Amino acid sequence: MKKFTLFVLFVFTLALLSTNALAQQKFSKFVTEPERWDAIELSAPAECVGNPEECAVKMLNELSIEVGDEPDFSVYRLGEVAEKSVTVVFVSRLVEDDDSVLGKLYRLELSKNDVEDKSFTLNSVGQLFQCMEGPIGWRKTACQ
């Protein structure tokens, strides 16, 4: 009975680890492919110490991009990519000063040289638009 219990525990643990590994590979292409976004040019890579949400707001503010008082966040830890620990942060906000735009969504790709590293480096920034007219959903092109 003891051997059977250990065997079941081993199989359960293996299945759990396999599920986590597969989940990391199945991120949406909007998370993993920055070319699906309208790129925002960076003058120099920014660095920030803090959690991904705080760093995203700080880096967007440094790029003179206003995100408002209560932006929404989604954080995706992609893991190791090109020998760096990569995290993607989505920051969304409602647009109140443009009648053609309902909302903007920003994608920030942050990386650390090591998992233990405390500072994030900004690799890229992209944006999507949700327009008041036309097809429903997020689009790469600016609203008319």
N, C-alpha and C. Protein backbone atom coordinates (compact mmCIF):
# COMPACT_ATOMS: atom_id res chain seq x y z
N MET A 1 0.81 -1.18 0.00
CA MET A 1 0.00 0.00 0.00
C MET A 1 0.87 1.26 0.00
N LYS A 2 1.97 1.21 0.75
CA LYS A 2 2.87 2.34 0.83
C LYS A 2 3.49 2.63 -0.54
N LYS A 3 3.88 1.58 -1.26
CA LYS A 3 4.47 1.76 -2.59
C LYS A 3 3.45 2.35 -3.55
N PHE A 4 2.21 1.90 -3.46
CA PHE A 4 1.16 2.41 -4.33
C PHE A 4 0.92 3.90 -4.05
N THR A 5 0.88 4.29 -2.79
CA THR A 5 0.68 5.69 -2.42
C THR A 5 1.83 6.56 -2.93
N LEU A 6 3.06 6.09 -2.79
CA LEU A 6 4.22 6.84 -3.30
C LEU A 6 4.16 6.96 -4.82
N PHE A 7 3.74 5.89 -5.49
CA PHE A 7 3.63 5.91 -6.94
C PHE A 7 2.58 6.94 -7.38
N VAL A 8 1.43 6.95 -6.73
CA VAL A 8 0.37 7.91 -7.06
C VAL A 8 0.85 9.33 -6.80
N LEU A 9 1.54 9.56 -5.71
CA LEU A 9 2.08 10.88 -5.40
C LEU A 9 3.10 11.32 -6.45
N PHE A 10 3.95 10.40 -6.88
CA PHE A 10 4.93 10.69 -7.92
C PHE A 10 4.24 11.07 -9.23
N VAL A 11 3.25 10.31 -9.63
CA VAL A 11 2.53 10.58 -10.88
C VAL A 11 1.81 11.93 -10.80
N PHE A 12 1.18 12.22 -9.67
CA PHE A 12 0.50 13.49 -9.47
C PHE A 12 1.47 14.67 -9.58
N THR A 13 2.62 14.55 -8.92
CA THR A 13 3.64 15.60 -8.96
C THR A 13 4.16 15.80 -10.38
N LEU A 14 4.41 14.73 -11.08
CA LEU A 14 4.88 14.81 -12.47
C LEU A 14 3.84 15.50 -13.35
N ALA A 15 2.59 15.15 -13.18
CA ALA A 15 1.52 15.76 -13.97
C ALA A 15 1.40 17.25 -13.67
N LEU A 16 1.53 17.62 -12.41
CA LEU A 16 1.45 19.02 -12.01
C LEU A 16 2.59 19.83 -12.63
N LEU A 17 3.80 19.31 -12.58
CA LEU A 17 4.95 20.00 -13.18
C LEU A 17 4.81 20.10 -14.68
N SER A 18 4.32 19.07 -15.32
CA SER A 18 4.13 19.09 -16.77
C SER A 18 3.09 20.12 -17.16
N THR A 19 2.04 20.26 -16.38
CA THR A 19 1.00 21.25 -16.66
C THR A 19 1.57 22.65 -16.60
N ASN A 20 2.41 22.96 -15.60
CA ASN A 20 3.02 24.28 -15.50
C ASN A 20 3.91 24.57 -16.70
N ALA A 21 4.70 23.59 -17.11
CA ALA A 21 5.59 23.78 -18.26
C ALA A 21 4.78 24.01 -19.53
N LEU A 22 3.71 23.26 -19.74
CA LEU A 22 2.87 23.43 -20.93
C LEU A 22 2.15 24.76 -20.90
N ALA A 23 1.72 25.20 -19.73
CA ALA A 23 1.02 26.48 -19.62
C ALA A 23 1.91 27.63 -20.04
N GLN A 24 3.20 27.58 -19.71
CA GLN A 24 4.12 28.64 -20.09
C GLN A 24 4.28 28.71 -21.60
N GLN A 25 4.15 27.60 -22.29
CA GLN A 25 4.32 27.57 -23.74
C GLN A 25 3.06 28.01 -24.47
N LYS A 26 1.94 28.11 -23.79
CA LYS A 26 0.68 28.39 -24.45
C LYS A 26 0.16 29.80 -24.20
N PHE A 27 1.04 30.76 -24.06
CA PHE A 27 0.60 32.14 -23.95
C PHE A 27 0.05 32.59 -25.28
N SER A 28 -0.89 33.51 -25.25
CA SER A 28 -1.44 34.09 -26.47
C SER A 28 -0.34 34.76 -27.28
N LYS A 29 -0.52 34.81 -28.59
CA LYS A 29 0.47 35.46 -29.45
C LYS A 29 0.55 36.96 -29.17
N PHE A 30 -0.52 37.54 -28.62
CA PHE A 30 -0.47 38.95 -28.24
C PHE A 30 0.48 39.17 -27.07
N VAL A 31 0.74 38.12 -26.29
CA VAL A 31 1.69 38.21 -25.19
C VAL A 31 3.11 38.00 -25.71
N THR A 32 3.31 37.00 -26.56
CA THR A 32 4.65 36.58 -26.94
C THR A 32 5.21 37.27 -28.19
N GLU A 33 4.37 37.90 -29.01
CA GLU A 33 4.84 38.48 -30.27
C GLU A 33 4.66 39.99 -30.31
N PRO A 34 5.73 40.72 -30.03
CA PRO A 34 5.62 42.19 -30.00
C PRO A 34 5.32 42.81 -31.36
N GLU A 35 5.57 42.10 -32.45
CA GLU A 35 5.30 42.66 -33.78
C GLU A 35 3.80 42.79 -34.06
N ARG A 36 2.95 42.21 -33.23
CA ARG A 36 1.50 42.36 -33.37
C ARG A 36 1.02 43.71 -32.82
N TRP A 37 1.93 44.50 -32.25
CA TRP A 37 1.61 45.76 -31.62
C TRP A 37 2.22 46.91 -32.40
N ASP A 38 1.62 48.09 -32.31
CA ASP A 38 2.19 49.31 -32.87
C ASP A 38 3.34 49.72 -31.95
N ALA A 39 4.56 49.63 -32.45
CA ALA A 39 5.75 49.87 -31.63
C ALA A 39 5.88 51.35 -31.26
N ILE A 40 6.31 51.59 -30.04
CA ILE A 40 6.62 52.92 -29.56
C ILE A 40 8.13 52.98 -29.41
N GLU A 41 8.74 53.96 -30.06
CA GLU A 41 10.20 54.08 -30.06
C GLU A 41 10.73 54.45 -28.67
N LEU A 42 11.83 53.80 -28.32
CA LEU A 42 12.51 54.09 -27.05
C LEU A 42 13.82 54.79 -27.35
N SER A 43 14.13 55.83 -26.58
CA SER A 43 15.42 56.50 -26.78
C SER A 43 16.54 55.72 -26.11
N ALA A 44 16.27 55.16 -24.96
CA ALA A 44 17.26 54.35 -24.24
C ALA A 44 16.50 53.40 -23.33
N PRO A 45 17.05 52.23 -23.07
CA PRO A 45 16.34 51.31 -22.17
C PRO A 45 16.24 51.87 -20.77
N ALA A 46 15.05 51.85 -20.22
CA ALA A 46 14.82 52.32 -18.86
C ALA A 46 15.01 51.17 -17.88
N GLU A 47 15.38 51.50 -16.66
CA GLU A 47 15.50 50.50 -15.60
C GLU A 47 14.66 50.93 -14.42
N CYS A 48 14.18 49.94 -13.67
CA CYS A 48 13.32 50.22 -12.54
C CYS A 48 13.43 49.10 -11.52
N VAL A 49 13.41 49.46 -10.25
CA VAL A 49 13.36 48.49 -9.17
C VAL A 49 11.96 48.55 -8.58
N GLY A 50 11.30 47.41 -8.48
CA GLY A 50 9.95 47.34 -7.95
C GLY A 50 9.21 46.18 -8.56
N ASN A 51 7.89 46.13 -8.38
CA ASN A 51 7.13 45.05 -9.01
C ASN A 51 6.81 45.45 -10.45
N PRO A 52 6.40 44.50 -11.28
CA PRO A 52 6.18 44.81 -12.70
C PRO A 52 5.16 45.92 -12.95
N GLU A 53 4.09 45.96 -12.16
CA GLU A 53 3.06 46.99 -12.34
C GLU A 53 3.61 48.38 -12.06
N GLU A 54 4.32 48.53 -10.95
CA GLU A 54 4.91 49.84 -10.60
C GLU A 54 5.91 50.28 -11.67
N CYS A 55 6.74 49.34 -12.12
CA CYS A 55 7.74 49.67 -13.13
C CYS A 55 7.09 50.04 -14.46
N ALA A 56 6.01 49.36 -14.81
CA ALA A 56 5.32 49.68 -16.07
C ALA A 56 4.80 51.11 -16.05
N VAL A 57 4.16 51.51 -14.97
CA VAL A 57 3.65 52.88 -14.86
C VAL A 57 4.79 53.89 -14.89
N LYS A 58 5.85 53.62 -14.15
CA LYS A 58 6.99 54.53 -14.12
C LYS A 58 7.61 54.67 -15.51
N MET A 59 7.77 53.56 -16.22
CA MET A 59 8.39 53.60 -17.55
C MET A 59 7.49 54.29 -18.57
N LEU A 60 6.18 54.07 -18.49
CA LEU A 60 5.27 54.78 -19.39
C LEU A 60 5.28 56.28 -19.12
N ASN A 61 5.32 56.66 -17.85
CA ASN A 61 5.40 58.08 -17.51
C ASN A 61 6.69 58.71 -18.04
N GLU A 62 7.80 57.97 -18.00
CA GLU A 62 9.08 58.47 -18.55
C GLU A 62 8.99 58.67 -20.06
N LEU A 63 8.10 57.91 -20.71
CA LEU A 63 7.89 58.06 -22.15
C LEU A 63 6.80 59.09 -22.45
N SER A 64 6.35 59.83 -21.42
CA SER A 64 5.29 60.84 -21.53
C SER A 64 3.96 60.22 -21.97
N ILE A 65 3.69 59.02 -21.50
CA ILE A 65 2.42 58.34 -21.78
C ILE A 65 1.63 58.31 -20.47
N GLU A 66 0.49 58.97 -20.47
CA GLU A 66 -0.36 59.05 -19.29
C GLU A 66 -1.24 57.81 -19.21
N VAL A 67 -1.28 57.18 -18.04
CA VAL A 67 -2.11 55.98 -17.86
C VAL A 67 -3.26 56.22 -16.89
N GLY A 68 -3.41 57.42 -16.38
CA GLY A 68 -4.51 57.73 -15.49
C GLY A 68 -4.27 57.28 -14.06
N ASP A 69 -5.29 57.46 -13.23
CA ASP A 69 -5.17 57.13 -11.81
C ASP A 69 -5.36 55.66 -11.50
N GLU A 70 -6.16 54.96 -12.30
CA GLU A 70 -6.47 53.56 -12.02
C GLU A 70 -6.34 52.69 -13.27
N PRO A 71 -5.14 52.51 -13.78
CA PRO A 71 -5.00 51.63 -14.95
C PRO A 71 -5.21 50.17 -14.54
N ASP A 72 -5.58 49.35 -15.50
CA ASP A 72 -5.71 47.91 -15.26
C ASP A 72 -4.44 47.22 -15.75
N PHE A 73 -4.04 46.16 -15.05
CA PHE A 73 -2.81 45.45 -15.36
C PHE A 73 -3.07 43.96 -15.59
N SER A 74 -2.28 43.39 -16.48
CA SER A 74 -2.17 41.93 -16.62
C SER A 74 -0.68 41.65 -16.71
N VAL A 75 -0.20 40.70 -15.91
CA VAL A 75 1.23 40.40 -15.87
C VAL A 75 1.44 38.95 -16.29
N TYR A 76 2.36 38.74 -17.22
CA TYR A 76 2.68 37.41 -17.73
C TYR A 76 4.17 37.16 -17.57
N ARG A 77 4.51 36.24 -16.73
CA ARG A 77 5.92 35.88 -16.54
C ARG A 77 6.25 34.78 -17.52
N LEU A 78 6.98 35.14 -18.58
CA LEU A 78 7.30 34.18 -19.64
C LEU A 78 8.43 33.25 -19.26
N GLY A 79 9.23 33.63 -18.28
CA GLY A 79 10.37 32.81 -17.89
C GLY A 79 11.60 33.20 -18.68
N GLU A 80 12.49 32.26 -18.87
CA GLU A 80 13.76 32.55 -19.52
C GLU A 80 13.61 32.60 -21.03
N VAL A 81 14.00 33.74 -21.60
CA VAL A 81 14.00 33.96 -23.04
C VAL A 81 15.32 34.64 -23.37
N ALA A 82 16.11 34.04 -24.25
CA ALA A 82 17.41 34.60 -24.63
C ALA A 82 18.26 34.92 -23.40
N GLU A 83 18.30 33.98 -22.46
CA GLU A 83 19.11 34.06 -21.24
C GLU A 83 18.73 35.20 -20.30
N LYS A 84 17.50 35.69 -20.41
CA LYS A 84 16.99 36.70 -19.49
C LYS A 84 15.62 36.26 -18.99
N SER A 85 15.29 36.67 -17.79
CA SER A 85 13.98 36.38 -17.22
C SER A 85 13.01 37.46 -17.70
N VAL A 86 12.05 37.07 -18.57
CA VAL A 86 11.18 38.04 -19.24
C VAL A 86 9.78 38.04 -18.62
N THR A 87 9.27 39.25 -18.42
CA THR A 87 7.91 39.48 -17.95
C THR A 87 7.24 40.47 -18.90
N VAL A 88 6.02 40.17 -19.31
CA VAL A 88 5.24 41.07 -20.16
C VAL A 88 4.11 41.65 -19.31
N VAL A 89 3.96 42.97 -19.37
CA VAL A 89 2.91 43.66 -18.62
C VAL A 89 2.00 44.38 -19.60
N PHE A 90 0.70 44.14 -19.48
CA PHE A 90 -0.30 44.90 -20.23
C PHE A 90 -0.85 45.96 -19.29
N VAL A 91 -0.94 47.18 -19.79
CA VAL A 91 -1.54 48.28 -19.04
C VAL A 91 -2.64 48.86 -19.91
N SER A 92 -3.87 48.86 -19.41
CA SER A 92 -4.98 49.40 -20.20
C SER A 92 -5.58 50.61 -19.49
N ARG A 93 -6.11 51.51 -20.31
CA ARG A 93 -6.76 52.70 -19.75
C ARG A 93 -7.87 53.17 -20.68
N LEU A 94 -8.87 53.77 -20.10
CA LEU A 94 -9.93 54.40 -20.88
C LEU A 94 -9.44 55.77 -21.32
N VAL A 95 -9.77 56.14 -22.55
CA VAL A 95 -9.35 57.44 -23.09
C VAL A 95 -10.53 58.40 -22.99
N GLU A 96 -10.32 59.52 -22.34
CA GLU A 96 -11.41 60.48 -22.15
C GLU A 96 -11.24 61.74 -22.99
N ASP A 97 -10.03 61.97 -23.53
CA ASP A 97 -9.77 63.22 -24.23
C ASP A 97 -9.78 63.08 -25.76
N ASP A 98 -10.27 61.95 -26.29
CA ASP A 98 -10.32 61.72 -27.73
C ASP A 98 -11.63 60.99 -28.04
N ASP A 99 -12.49 61.63 -28.81
CA ASP A 99 -13.80 61.05 -29.10
C ASP A 99 -13.75 59.84 -30.01
N SER A 100 -12.65 59.63 -30.72
CA SER A 100 -12.56 58.48 -31.63
C SER A 100 -12.01 57.23 -30.95
N VAL A 101 -11.41 57.38 -29.77
CA VAL A 101 -10.74 56.26 -29.08
C VAL A 101 -11.47 55.94 -27.78
N LEU A 102 -11.82 54.66 -27.61
CA LEU A 102 -12.43 54.21 -26.37
C LEU A 102 -11.36 53.87 -25.33
N GLY A 103 -10.31 53.16 -25.78
CA GLY A 103 -9.26 52.76 -24.85
C GLY A 103 -7.95 52.49 -25.54
N LYS A 104 -6.89 52.45 -24.74
CA LYS A 104 -5.56 52.10 -25.23
C LYS A 104 -5.01 50.98 -24.35
N LEU A 105 -4.29 50.09 -24.99
CA LEU A 105 -3.65 48.97 -24.30
C LEU A 105 -2.17 49.01 -24.62
N TYR A 106 -1.35 49.00 -23.60
CA TYR A 106 0.10 49.04 -23.78
C TYR A 106 0.70 47.70 -23.38
N ARG A 107 1.70 47.27 -24.14
CA ARG A 107 2.44 46.04 -23.85
C ARG A 107 3.88 46.43 -23.57
N LEU A 108 4.34 46.14 -22.37
CA LEU A 108 5.73 46.41 -22.00
C LEU A 108 6.43 45.09 -21.78
N GLU A 109 7.54 44.90 -22.45
CA GLU A 109 8.35 43.70 -22.24
C GLU A 109 9.51 44.09 -21.34
N LEU A 110 9.51 43.52 -20.14
CA LEU A 110 10.53 43.79 -19.14
C LEU A 110 11.41 42.56 -18.97
N SER A 111 12.67 42.78 -18.65
CA SER A 111 13.54 41.63 -18.41
C SER A 111 14.47 41.89 -17.24
N LYS A 112 14.92 40.80 -16.67
CA LYS A 112 15.95 40.81 -15.63
C LYS A 112 17.07 39.93 -16.13
N ASN A 113 18.30 40.26 -15.78
CA ASN A 113 19.42 39.42 -16.17
C ASN A 113 19.38 38.08 -15.46
N ASP A 114 18.77 38.08 -14.28
CA ASP A 114 18.72 36.89 -13.44
C ASP A 114 17.44 36.93 -12.64
N VAL A 115 16.90 35.79 -12.28
CA VAL A 115 15.68 35.73 -11.48
C VAL A 115 15.86 36.47 -10.16
N GLU A 116 17.06 36.43 -9.60
CA GLU A 116 17.34 37.09 -8.33
C GLU A 116 17.54 38.60 -8.47
N ASP A 117 17.75 39.08 -9.70
CA ASP A 117 17.94 40.50 -9.96
C ASP A 117 16.69 41.28 -9.53
N LYS A 118 16.87 42.44 -8.94
CA LYS A 118 15.74 43.22 -8.44
C LYS A 118 15.28 44.30 -9.43
N SER A 119 16.09 44.60 -10.45
CA SER A 119 15.71 45.67 -11.37
C SER A 119 15.27 45.12 -12.72
N PHE A 120 14.23 45.75 -13.27
CA PHE A 120 13.71 45.41 -14.58
C PHE A 120 14.30 46.36 -15.61
N THR A 121 14.57 45.85 -16.81
CA THR A 121 14.98 46.66 -17.94
C THR A 121 13.86 46.61 -18.97
N LEU A 122 13.53 47.76 -19.54
CA LEU A 122 12.48 47.85 -20.55
C LEU A 122 13.07 47.47 -21.90
N ASN A 123 12.55 46.39 -22.50
CA ASN A 123 13.03 45.95 -23.81
C ASN A 123 12.24 46.55 -24.96
N SER A 124 10.91 46.60 -24.81
CA SER A 124 10.07 47.14 -25.88
C SER A 124 8.73 47.58 -25.32
N VAL A 125 8.09 48.49 -26.08
CA VAL A 125 6.74 48.97 -25.73
C VAL A 125 5.92 49.00 -27.01
N GLY A 126 4.70 48.53 -26.91
CA GLY A 126 3.78 48.59 -28.04
C GLY A 126 2.42 49.04 -27.55
N GLN A 127 1.55 49.41 -28.50
CA GLN A 127 0.22 49.86 -28.12
C GLN A 127 -0.81 49.33 -29.10
N LEU A 128 -2.03 49.16 -28.59
CA LEU A 128 -3.20 48.82 -29.39
C LEU A 128 -4.29 49.82 -29.05
N PHE A 129 -5.23 49.99 -29.99
CA PHE A 129 -6.32 50.95 -29.82
C PHE A 129 -7.66 50.23 -29.87
N GLN A 130 -8.62 50.73 -29.10
CA GLN A 130 -10.00 50.29 -29.23
C GLN A 130 -10.79 51.53 -29.63
N CYS A 131 -11.36 51.47 -30.84
CA CYS A 131 -11.99 52.65 -31.43
C CYS A 131 -13.49 52.68 -31.16
N MET A 132 -14.04 53.89 -31.21
CA MET A 132 -15.48 54.08 -31.01
C MET A 132 -16.27 53.59 -32.22
N GLU A 133 -15.68 53.67 -33.41
CA GLU A 133 -16.37 53.24 -34.63
C GLU A 133 -15.54 52.16 -35.31
N GLY A 134 -16.20 51.38 -36.14
CA GLY A 134 -15.51 50.32 -36.87
C GLY A 134 -15.63 48.99 -36.14
N PRO A 135 -14.81 48.03 -36.55
CA PRO A 135 -14.88 46.69 -35.94
C PRO A 135 -14.59 46.74 -34.44
N ILE A 136 -15.24 45.86 -33.70
CA ILE A 136 -15.05 45.78 -32.25
C ILE A 136 -13.75 45.04 -31.97
N GLY A 137 -13.04 45.48 -30.96
CA GLY A 137 -11.80 44.82 -30.55
C GLY A 137 -10.60 45.73 -30.65
N TRP A 138 -9.46 45.18 -30.24
CA TRP A 138 -8.21 45.93 -30.25
C TRP A 138 -7.59 45.88 -31.63
N ARG A 139 -7.00 47.01 -32.06
CA ARG A 139 -6.35 47.07 -33.37
C ARG A 139 -5.01 47.80 -33.26
N LYS A 140 -4.14 47.49 -34.20
CA LYS A 140 -2.79 48.06 -34.22
C LYS A 140 -2.79 49.48 -34.78
N THR A 141 -3.71 49.78 -35.67
CA THR A 141 -3.74 51.09 -36.31
C THR A 141 -4.54 52.09 -35.48
N ALA A 142 -4.12 53.33 -35.53
CA ALA A 142 -4.78 54.38 -34.77
C ALA A 142 -6.21 54.60 -35.28
N CYS A 143 -7.07 55.05 -34.41
CA CYS A 143 -8.47 55.32 -34.76
C CYS A 143 -8.56 56.57 -35.63
N GLN A 144 -9.57 56.61 -36.48
CA GLN A 144 -9.78 57.75 -37.38
C GLN A 144 -10.77 58.72 -36.77
